[in-house]
């Protein structure tokens, strides 16, 4: 399998042009194989929520909790769905031409990129000043939780901590999207110097051929990365045992029992 595509410049130099489209197919097939493997694994894996009797006891101890607990604010949900639309538009406009669907994809692609960039800027400001900024990040404090989750996967309950607001899988996914998103946005903005738009003046000589080639490769790698990430995200969103999280991204709240089943009330203190 070839990972990148090279071409000969007018001066006889080998320069990068883009990634090989083999990587797109590899990401697509890899994502589908992951769904099959994880689905089979989940047939035998124990669920990680608390036992019913323990939840009953906690409900009595925390009788002051409201019946519905806010998990995602209205603005957080707006950001999520705007970002979802932008991501899907970017992936489809990038890769539909690869599979033979021809249309004026560049125009729609850069507009979706601007929408994604704007939504990310909004999210950074909103998360920094209006949300619990550090609750989504990974750190040494998560090692006991990760150890407990791994042992539970093997059917061993070691009494480790339950997640705070965001389960470990959510935080790992957030980090992967962060890396891919920064690479896609930075490279995409540089690539727009070669496209006629009402936002930037076209300047195809902003960088040399080698620099543009490397930029295209980075953009392509992040693009095929998003193919796998989107497949995984939709899959987990639709899984029955995860659907309570998906509903919270639509309606904003979870029930008191869901809160106690899946979260550590001392790590995520629900106030409303």
C-alpha atoms as a PDB file:
ATOM      1  CA  UNK A   1       0.000   0.000   0.000  1.00  0.00           C
ATOM      2  CA  UNK A   2       1.267   3.473  -0.917  1.00  0.00           C
ATOM      3  CA  UNK A   3       0.819   6.098   1.779  1.00  0.00           C
ATOM      4  CA  UNK A   4       1.598   9.261  -0.210  1.00  0.00           C
ATOM      5  CA  UNK A   5       1.594  10.357  -3.841  1.00  0.00           C
ATOM      6  CA  UNK A   6       4.586  12.045  -5.430  1.00  0.00           C
ATOM      7  CA  UNK A   7       4.947  14.057  -8.650  1.00  0.00           C
ATOM      8  CA  UNK A   8       7.711  15.672 -10.658  1.00  0.00           C
ATOM      9  CA  UNK A   9       7.926  19.464 -10.441  1.00  0.00           C
ATOM     10  CA  UNK A  10       8.747  21.615 -13.520  1.00  0.00           C
ATOM     11  CA  UNK A  11      12.297  21.718 -12.169  1.00  0.00           C
ATOM     12  CA  UNK A  12      12.611  17.963 -12.037  1.00  0.00           C
ATOM     13  CA  UNK A  13      12.177  17.607  -8.260  1.00  0.00           C
ATOM     14  CA  UNK A  14      10.093  14.928  -6.572  1.00  0.00           C
ATOM     15  CA  UNK A  15       7.456  16.674  -4.448  1.00  0.00           C
ATOM     16  CA  UNK A  16       4.586  15.445  -2.314  1.00  0.00           C
ATOM     17  CA  UNK A  17       1.118  16.004  -3.749  1.00  0.00           C
ATOM     18  CA  UNK A  18      -1.281  14.296  -1.352  1.00  0.00           C
ATOM     19  CA  UNK A  19      -1.927  11.097   0.539  1.00  0.00           C
ATOM     20  CA  UNK A  20      -2.694   7.923  -1.354  1.00  0.00           C
ATOM     21  CA  UNK A  21      -6.408   7.228  -1.628  1.00  0.00           C
ATOM     22  CA  UNK A  22      -5.584   3.723  -0.390  1.00  0.00           C
ATOM     23  CA  UNK A  23      -5.558   5.285   3.081  1.00  0.00           C
ATOM     24  CA  UNK A  24      -9.179   6.382   2.688  1.00  0.00           C
ATOM     25  CA  UNK A  25     -10.272   2.839   1.900  1.00  0.00           C
ATOM     26  CA  UNK A  26      -8.109   1.515   4.733  1.00  0.00           C
ATOM     27  CA  UNK A  27      -9.764   3.917   7.193  1.00  0.00           C
ATOM     28  CA  UNK A  28     -13.250   3.037   5.924  1.00  0.00           C
ATOM     29  CA  UNK A  29     -12.675  -0.721   6.087  1.00  0.00           C
ATOM     30  CA  UNK A  30     -10.876  -0.395   9.429  1.00  0.00           C
ATOM     31  CA  UNK A  31     -13.825   1.511  10.862  1.00  0.00           C
ATOM     32  CA  UNK A  32     -16.274  -1.153   9.721  1.00  0.00           C
ATOM     33  CA  UNK A  33     -14.098  -3.958  11.115  1.00  0.00           C
ATOM     34  CA  UNK A  34     -13.957  -2.088  14.422  1.00  0.00           C
ATOM     35  CA  UNK A  35     -17.753  -2.011  14.561  1.00  0.00           C
ATOM     36  CA  UNK A  36     -17.952  -5.743  13.964  1.00  0.00           C
ATOM     37  CA  UNK A  37     -15.222  -6.549  16.508  1.00  0.00           C
ATOM     38  CA  UNK A  38     -16.614  -4.253  19.203  1.00  0.00           C
ATOM     39  CA  UNK A  39     -20.159  -5.484  18.633  1.00  0.00           C
ATOM     40  CA  UNK A  40     -19.006  -9.060  19.148  1.00  0.00           C
ATOM     41  CA  UNK A  41     -17.018  -8.087  22.219  1.00  0.00           C
ATOM     42  CA  UNK A  42     -20.024  -6.329  23.771  1.00  0.00           C
ATOM     43  CA  UNK A  43     -22.013  -9.556  23.633  1.00  0.00           C
ATOM     44  CA  UNK A  44     -19.781 -10.886  26.418  1.00  0.00           C
ATOM     45  CA  UNK A  45     -18.614  -7.711  28.186  1.00  0.00           C
ATOM     46  CA  UNK A  46     -20.294  -6.684  31.453  1.00  0.00           C
ATOM     47  CA  UNK A  47     -21.856  -3.230  31.484  1.00  0.00           C
ATOM     48  CA  UNK A  48     -20.109  -0.697  33.685  1.00  0.00           C
ATOM     49  CA  UNK A  49     -23.051   0.815  35.488  1.00  0.00           C
ATOM     50  CA  UNK A  50     -23.654   0.274  39.194  1.00  0.00           C
ATOM     51  CA  UNK A  51     -25.711  -2.609  40.482  1.00  0.00           C
ATOM     52  CA  UNK A  52     -29.410  -1.848  41.025  1.00  0.00           C
ATOM     53  CA  UNK A  53     -29.237  -2.338  44.804  1.00  0.00           C
ATOM     54  CA  UNK A  54     -26.332   0.085  45.164  1.00  0.00           C
ATOM     55  CA  UNK A  55     -28.161   2.694  43.072  1.00  0.00           C
ATOM     56  CA  UNK A  56     -31.274   2.279  45.244  1.00  0.00           C
ATOM     57  CA  UNK A  57     -29.162   2.963  48.342  1.00  0.00           C
ATOM     58  CA  UNK A  58     -27.527   6.025  46.764  1.00  0.00           C
ATOM     59  CA  UNK A  59     -30.921   7.419  45.742  1.00  0.00           C
ATOM     60  CA  UNK A  60     -32.040   7.288  49.362  1.00  0.00           C
ATOM     61  CA  UNK A  61     -28.810   8.899  50.567  1.00  0.00           C
ATOM     62  CA  UNK A  62     -29.064  11.685  47.953  1.00  0.00           C
ATOM     63  CA  UNK A  63     -32.775  12.368  48.107  1.00  0.00           C
ATOM     64  CA  UNK A  64     -32.138  16.058  47.434  1.00  0.00           C
ATOM     65  CA  UNK A  65     -31.017  15.442  43.851  1.00  0.00           C
ATOM     66  CA  UNK A  66     -33.435  16.708  41.193  1.00  0.00           C
ATOM     67  CA  UNK A  67     -35.284  14.208  39.006  1.00  0.00           C
ATOM     68  CA  UNK A  68     -33.500  15.529  35.894  1.00  0.00           C
ATOM     69  CA  UNK A  69     -29.852  16.616  35.894  1.00  0.00           C
ATOM     70  CA  UNK A  70     -28.361  18.883  33.260  1.00  0.00           C
ATOM     71  CA  UNK A  71     -25.507  17.214  31.389  1.00  0.00           C
ATOM     72  CA  UNK A  72     -25.207  19.544  28.399  1.00  0.00           C
ATOM     73  CA  UNK A  73     -26.253  23.184  28.270  1.00  0.00           C
ATOM     74  CA  UNK A  74     -28.180  24.559  25.305  1.00  0.00           C
ATOM     75  CA  UNK A  75     -25.085  26.284  23.857  1.00  0.00           C
ATOM     76  CA  UNK A  76     -22.977  23.130  24.277  1.00  0.00           C
ATOM     77  CA  UNK A  77     -25.595  21.186  22.320  1.00  0.00           C
ATOM     78  CA  UNK A  78     -25.749  23.830  19.594  1.00  0.00           C
ATOM     79  CA  UNK A  79     -21.968  23.630  19.220  1.00  0.00           C
ATOM     80  CA  UNK A  80     -22.054  19.833  19.042  1.00  0.00           C
ATOM     81  CA  UNK A  81     -24.628  19.704  16.254  1.00  0.00           C
ATOM     82  CA  UNK A  82     -23.086  22.561  14.255  1.00  0.00           C
ATOM     83  CA  UNK A  83     -19.725  20.817  14.493  1.00  0.00           C
ATOM     84  CA  UNK A  84     -21.362  17.521  13.454  1.00  0.00           C
ATOM     85  CA  UNK A  85     -22.872  19.131  10.333  1.00  0.00           C
ATOM     86  CA  UNK A  86     -19.524  20.725   9.443  1.00  0.00           C
ATOM     87  CA  UNK A  87     -17.617  17.457   9.960  1.00  0.00           C
ATOM     88  CA  UNK A  88     -20.006  15.412   7.834  1.00  0.00           C
ATOM     89  CA  UNK A  89     -19.998  18.057   5.099  1.00  0.00           C
ATOM     90  CA  UNK A  90     -16.197  18.101   5.082  1.00  0.00           C
ATOM     91  CA  UNK A  91     -15.872  14.319   4.877  1.00  0.00           C
ATOM     92  CA  UNK A  92     -18.523  13.897   2.181  1.00  0.00           C
ATOM     93  CA  UNK A  93     -17.259  16.760   0.019  1.00  0.00           C
ATOM     94  CA  UNK A  94     -13.696  15.476   0.352  1.00  0.00           C
ATOM     95  CA  UNK A  95     -14.257  11.802  -0.400  1.00  0.00           C
ATOM     96  CA  UNK A  96     -17.362  11.556  -2.595  1.00  0.00           C
ATOM     97  CA  UNK A  97     -15.240  12.634  -5.614  1.00  0.00           C
ATOM     98  CA  UNK A  98     -12.806   9.830  -4.717  1.00  0.00           C
ATOM     99  CA  UNK A  99     -15.565   7.234  -5.165  1.00  0.00           C
ATOM    100  CA  UNK A 100     -16.728   8.789  -8.447  1.00  0.00           C
ATOM    101  CA  UNK A 101     -19.361  11.364  -7.450  1.00  0.00           C
ATOM    102  CA  UNK A 102     -18.448  14.513  -9.363  1.00  0.00           C
ATOM    103  CA  UNK A 103     -19.638  17.982  -8.285  1.00  0.00           C
ATOM    104  CA  UNK A 104     -18.206  21.410  -7.396  1.00  0.00           C
ATOM    105  CA  UNK A 105     -16.898  20.059  -4.107  1.00  0.00           C
ATOM    106  CA  UNK A 106     -14.192  22.677  -3.410  1.00  0.00           C
ATOM    107  CA  UNK A 107     -16.739  25.461  -2.862  1.00  0.00           C
ATOM    108  CA  UNK A 108     -18.742  23.443  -0.306  1.00  0.00           C
ATOM    109  CA  UNK A 109     -15.619  22.035   1.297  1.00  0.00           C
ATOM    110  CA  UNK A 110     -13.985  25.328   2.208  1.00  0.00           C
ATOM    111  CA  UNK A 111     -17.307  26.745   3.463  1.00  0.00           C
ATOM    112  CA  UNK A 112     -17.735  23.719   5.741  1.00  0.00           C
ATOM    113  CA  UNK A 113     -14.157  24.265   6.897  1.00  0.00           C
ATOM    114  CA  UNK A 114     -14.911  27.860   7.860  1.00  0.00           C
ATOM    115  CA  UNK A 115     -18.021  26.692   9.736  1.00  0.00           C
ATOM    116  CA  UNK A 116     -15.933  24.116  11.622  1.00  0.00           C
ATOM    117  CA  UNK A 117     -13.244  26.675  12.441  1.00  0.00           C
ATOM    118  CA  UNK A 118     -15.789  29.169  13.738  1.00  0.00           C
ATOM    119  CA  UNK A 119     -17.536  26.552  15.859  1.00  0.00           C
ATOM    120  CA  UNK A 120     -14.220  25.444  17.385  1.00  0.00           C
ATOM    121  CA  UNK A 121     -13.277  29.031  18.256  1.00  0.00           C
ATOM    122  CA  UNK A 122     -16.675  29.488  19.903  1.00  0.00           C
ATOM    123  CA  UNK A 123     -16.272  26.206  21.807  1.00  0.00           C
ATOM    124  CA  UNK A 124     -12.839  27.149  23.162  1.00  0.00           C
ATOM    125  CA  UNK A 125     -14.195  30.444  24.511  1.00  0.00           C
ATOM    126  CA  UNK A 126     -17.376  28.853  25.861  1.00  0.00           C
ATOM    127  CA  UNK A 127     -15.553  25.931  27.506  1.00  0.00           C
ATOM    128  CA  UNK A 128     -12.913  28.196  29.039  1.00  0.00           C
ATOM    129  CA  UNK A 129     -15.235  30.727  30.648  1.00  0.00           C
ATOM    130  CA  UNK A 130     -18.610  29.011  31.033  1.00  0.00           C
ATOM    131  CA  UNK A 131     -17.888  25.292  31.544  1.00  0.00           C
ATOM    132  CA  UNK A 132     -15.724  23.062  33.713  1.00  0.00           C
ATOM    133  CA  UNK A 133     -12.727  23.337  31.374  1.00  0.00           C
ATOM    134  CA  UNK A 134     -10.604  20.544  32.886  1.00  0.00           C
ATOM    135  CA  UNK A 135     -13.358  17.928  33.201  1.00  0.00           C
ATOM    136  CA  UNK A 136     -12.829  16.691  29.621  1.00  0.00           C
ATOM    137  CA  UNK A 137      -9.018  16.467  29.745  1.00  0.00           C
ATOM    138  CA  UNK A 138      -6.900  13.420  30.501  1.00  0.00           C
ATOM    139  CA  UNK A 139      -4.302  13.409  33.265  1.00  0.00           C
ATOM    140  CA  UNK A 140      -2.593  11.322  35.960  1.00  0.00           C
ATOM    141  CA  UNK A 141      -5.772  11.534  38.054  1.00  0.00           C
ATOM    142  CA  UNK A 142      -7.443   9.249  35.515  1.00  0.00           C
ATOM    143  CA  UNK A 143      -5.057   6.307  36.012  1.00  0.00           C
ATOM    144  CA  UNK A 144      -7.111   4.649  38.813  1.00  0.00           C
ATOM    145  CA  UNK A 145     -10.280   5.016  36.735  1.00  0.00           C
ATOM    146  CA  UNK A 146      -8.579   3.569  33.633  1.00  0.00           C
ATOM    147  CA  UNK A 147      -7.269   0.621  35.651  1.00  0.00           C
ATOM    148  CA  UNK A 148     -10.720  -0.040  37.106  1.00  0.00           C
ATOM    149  CA  UNK A 149     -12.352   0.153  33.659  1.00  0.00           C
ATOM    150  CA  UNK A 150      -9.870  -2.339  32.181  1.00  0.00           C
ATOM    151  CA  UNK A 151     -10.401  -4.777  35.044  1.00  0.00           C
ATOM    152  CA  UNK A 152     -14.185  -4.474  34.694  1.00  0.00           C
ATOM    153  CA  UNK A 153     -13.800  -5.382  31.029  1.00  0.00           C
ATOM    154  CA  UNK A 154     -12.303  -8.671  32.224  1.00  0.00           C
ATOM    155  CA  UNK A 155     -15.165  -9.187  34.654  1.00  0.00           C
ATOM    156  CA  UNK A 156     -13.202  -8.184  37.782  1.00  0.00           C
ATOM    157  CA  UNK A 157     -14.736  -5.501  40.011  1.00  0.00           C
ATOM    158  CA  UNK A 158     -11.914  -3.834  41.932  1.00  0.00           C
ATOM    159  CA  UNK A 159     -13.905  -0.947  43.340  1.00  0.00           C
ATOM    160  CA  UNK A 160     -12.190   1.785  41.356  1.00  0.00           C
ATOM    161  CA  UNK A 161     -13.766   5.195  40.830  1.00  0.00           C
ATOM    162  CA  UNK A 162     -16.631   5.766  38.426  1.00  0.00           C
ATOM    163  CA  UNK A 163     -16.271   8.574  35.876  1.00  0.00           C
ATOM    164  CA  UNK A 164     -16.929  12.200  36.619  1.00  0.00           C
ATOM    165  CA  UNK A 165     -19.017  14.078  34.069  1.00  0.00           C
ATOM    166  CA  UNK A 166     -17.264  12.493  31.078  1.00  0.00           C
ATOM    167  CA  UNK A 167     -16.410   8.765  30.869  1.00  0.00           C
ATOM    168  CA  UNK A 168     -12.856   7.824  29.953  1.00  0.00           C
ATOM    169  CA  UNK A 169     -13.892   6.906  26.413  1.00  0.00           C
ATOM    170  CA  UNK A 170     -15.366  10.382  25.874  1.00  0.00           C
ATOM    171  CA  UNK A 171     -12.148  12.018  27.026  1.00  0.00           C
ATOM    172  CA  UNK A 172      -9.984   9.815  24.804  1.00  0.00           C
ATOM    173  CA  UNK A 173     -12.232  10.587  21.846  1.00  0.00           C
ATOM    174  CA  UNK A 174     -12.103  14.300  22.618  1.00  0.00           C
ATOM    175  CA  UNK A 175      -8.293  14.182  22.558  1.00  0.00           C
ATOM    176  CA  UNK A 176      -8.258  12.334  19.210  1.00  0.00           C
ATOM    177  CA  UNK A 177     -10.676  14.861  17.681  1.00  0.00           C
ATOM    178  CA  UNK A 178      -8.568  17.703  19.086  1.00  0.00           C
ATOM    179  CA  UNK A 179      -5.400  16.411  17.391  1.00  0.00           C
ATOM    180  CA  UNK A 180      -7.142  15.710  14.082  1.00  0.00           C
ATOM    181  CA  UNK A 181      -9.103  18.973  14.222  1.00  0.00           C
ATOM    182  CA  UNK A 182      -6.071  21.190  14.825  1.00  0.00           C
ATOM    183  CA  UNK A 183      -4.228  19.503  11.960  1.00  0.00           C
ATOM    184  CA  UNK A 184      -7.207  19.786   9.598  1.00  0.00           C
ATOM    185  CA  UNK A 185      -7.955  23.431  10.393  1.00  0.00           C
ATOM    186  CA  UNK A 186      -4.339  24.643  10.280  1.00  0.00           C
ATOM    187  CA  UNK A 187      -3.581  22.855   7.011  1.00  0.00           C
ATOM    188  CA  UNK A 188      -6.961  23.776   5.537  1.00  0.00           C
ATOM    189  CA  UNK A 189      -6.468  27.497   6.163  1.00  0.00           C
ATOM    190  CA  UNK A 190      -3.076  27.318   4.459  1.00  0.00           C
ATOM    191  CA  UNK A 191      -4.584  25.477   1.492  1.00  0.00           C
ATOM    192  CA  UNK A 192      -7.226  28.194   1.101  1.00  0.00           C
ATOM    193  CA  UNK A 193      -4.475  30.519  -0.118  1.00  0.00           C
ATOM    194  CA  UNK A 194      -4.777  28.674  -3.444  1.00  0.00           C
ATOM    195  CA  UNK A 195      -8.577  28.952  -3.654  1.00  0.00           C
ATOM    196  CA  UNK A 196     -10.622  31.977  -4.738  1.00  0.00           C
ATOM    197  CA  UNK A 197     -12.863  32.942  -1.833  1.00  0.00           C
ATOM    198  CA  UNK A 198     -14.440  36.201  -0.617  1.00  0.00           C
ATOM    199  CA  UNK A 199     -12.565  35.767   2.672  1.00  0.00           C
ATOM    200  CA  UNK A 200      -8.904  35.571   1.645  1.00  0.00           C
ATOM    201  CA  UNK A 201      -7.087  37.005  -1.340  1.00  0.00           C
ATOM    202  CA  UNK A 202      -5.767  34.143  -3.449  1.00  0.00           C
ATOM    203  CA  UNK A 203      -2.000  33.778  -3.195  1.00  0.00           C
ATOM    204  CA  UNK A 204      -0.757  30.463  -4.638  1.00  0.00           C
ATOM    205  CA  UNK A 205       2.845  31.510  -3.955  1.00  0.00           C
ATOM    206  CA  UNK A 206       2.423  31.853  -0.199  1.00  0.00           C
ATOM    207  CA  UNK A 207       4.528  28.696   0.216  1.00  0.00           C
ATOM    208  CA  UNK A 208       6.754  26.606  -2.001  1.00  0.00           C
ATOM    209  CA  UNK A 209       5.688  23.385  -3.703  1.00  0.00           C
ATOM    210  CA  UNK A 210       7.303  21.196  -1.058  1.00  0.00           C
ATOM    211  CA  UNK A 211       5.553  23.054   1.772  1.00  0.00           C
ATOM    212  CA  UNK A 212       2.201  22.861   0.002  1.00  0.00           C
ATOM    213  CA  UNK A 213       2.728  19.156  -0.607  1.00  0.00           C
ATOM    214  CA  UNK A 214       3.387  18.526   3.072  1.00  0.00           C
ATOM    215  CA  UNK A 215       0.309  20.604   3.935  1.00  0.00           C
ATOM    216  CA  UNK A 216      -1.846  18.497   1.601  1.00  0.00           C
ATOM    217  CA  UNK A 217      -0.526  15.306   3.173  1.00  0.00           C
ATOM    218  CA  UNK A 218      -1.301  16.543   6.704  1.00  0.00           C
ATOM    219  CA  UNK A 219      -4.783  17.596   5.599  1.00  0.00           C
ATOM    220  CA  UNK A 220      -5.381  14.247   3.949  1.00  0.00           C
ATOM    221  CA  UNK A 221      -4.202  12.274   6.974  1.00  0.00           C
ATOM    222  CA  UNK A 222      -6.513  14.193   9.273  1.00  0.00           C
ATOM    223  CA  UNK A 223      -9.341  13.691   6.774  1.00  0.00           C
ATOM    224  CA  UNK A 224      -9.020   9.903   6.666  1.00  0.00           C
ATOM    225  CA  UNK A 225      -8.633   9.986  10.446  1.00  0.00           C
ATOM    226  CA  UNK A 226     -12.000  11.717  10.701  1.00  0.00           C
ATOM    227  CA  UNK A 227     -13.590   8.981   8.582  1.00  0.00           C
ATOM    228  CA  UNK A 228     -12.765   6.436  11.281  1.00  0.00           C
ATOM    229  CA  UNK A 229     -13.611   8.818  14.124  1.00  0.00           C
ATOM    230  CA  UNK A 230     -17.041   9.636  12.686  1.00  0.00           C
ATOM    231  CA  UNK A 231     -17.857   5.967  12.116  1.00  0.00           C
ATOM    232  CA  UNK A 232     -16.925   5.177  15.728  1.00  0.00           C
ATOM    233  CA  UNK A 233     -18.864   8.157  17.089  1.00  0.00           C
ATOM    234  CA  UNK A 234     -22.089   7.306  15.271  1.00  0.00           C
ATOM    235  CA  UNK A 235     -21.735   3.645  16.253  1.00  0.00           C
ATOM    236  CA  UNK A 236     -21.363   4.403  19.962  1.00  0.00           C
ATOM    237  CA  UNK A 237     -24.130   7.007  19.841  1.00  0.00           C
ATOM    238  CA  UNK A 238     -26.566   4.374  18.570  1.00  0.00           C
ATOM    239  CA  UNK A 239     -25.558   1.528  20.888  1.00  0.00           C
ATOM    240  CA  UNK A 240     -28.414   0.702  23.314  1.00  0.00           C
ATOM    241  CA  UNK A 241     -26.282   0.973  26.463  1.00  0.00           C
ATOM    242  CA  UNK A 242     -24.943   4.380  25.340  1.00  0.00           C
ATOM    243  CA  UNK A 243     -28.178   5.846  24.056  1.00  0.00           C
ATOM    244  CA  UNK A 244     -28.849   7.661  27.324  1.00  0.00           C
ATOM    245  CA  UNK A 245     -25.789   9.808  26.537  1.00  0.00           C
ATOM    246  CA  UNK A 246     -27.062  10.482  23.015  1.00  0.00           C
ATOM    247  CA  UNK A 247     -30.456  11.594  24.347  1.00  0.00           C
ATOM    248  CA  UNK A 248     -28.708  13.989  26.726  1.00  0.00           C
ATOM    249  CA  UNK A 249     -27.053  15.648  23.729  1.00  0.00           C
ATOM    250  CA  UNK A 250     -30.532  16.181  22.269  1.00  0.00           C
ATOM    251  CA  UNK A 251     -32.531  17.134  25.358  1.00  0.00           C
ATOM    252  CA  UNK A 252     -29.724  18.291  27.655  1.00  0.00           C
ATOM    253  CA  UNK A 253     -30.533  16.215  30.751  1.00  0.00           C
ATOM    254  CA  UNK A 254     -30.245  12.730  32.219  1.00  0.00           C
ATOM    255  CA  UNK A 255     -32.349  11.130  34.925  1.00  0.00           C
ATOM    256  CA  UNK A 256     -31.208  10.980  38.539  1.00  0.00           C
ATOM    257  CA  UNK A 257     -30.899   7.204  38.271  1.00  0.00           C
ATOM    258  CA  UNK A 258     -28.730   7.402  35.127  1.00  0.00           C
ATOM    259  CA  UNK A 259     -26.539   9.906  36.939  1.00  0.00           C
ATOM    260  CA  UNK A 260     -26.051   7.546  39.884  1.00  0.00           C
ATOM    261  CA  UNK A 261     -25.656   4.439  37.722  1.00  0.00           C
ATOM    262  CA  UNK A 262     -22.832   5.796  35.591  1.00  0.00           C
ATOM    263  CA  UNK A 263     -21.118   8.630  37.453  1.00  0.00           C
ATOM    264  CA  UNK A 264     -19.256   9.337  40.662  1.00  0.00           C
ATOM    265  CA  UNK A 265     -21.297  12.064  42.418  1.00  0.00           C
ATOM    266  CA  UNK A 266     -18.154  13.218  44.225  1.00  0.00           C
ATOM    267  CA  UNK A 267     -16.305  13.786  40.940  1.00  0.00           C
ATOM    268  CA  UNK A 268     -19.244  15.402  39.148  1.00  0.00           C
ATOM    269  CA  UNK A 269     -21.401  17.303  41.607  1.00  0.00           C
ATOM    270  CA  UNK A 270     -24.833  17.814  40.095  1.00  0.00           C
ATOM    271  CA  UNK A 271     -26.451  21.063  41.191  1.00  0.00           C
ATOM    272  CA  UNK A 272     -29.521  21.078  38.956  1.00  0.00           C
END
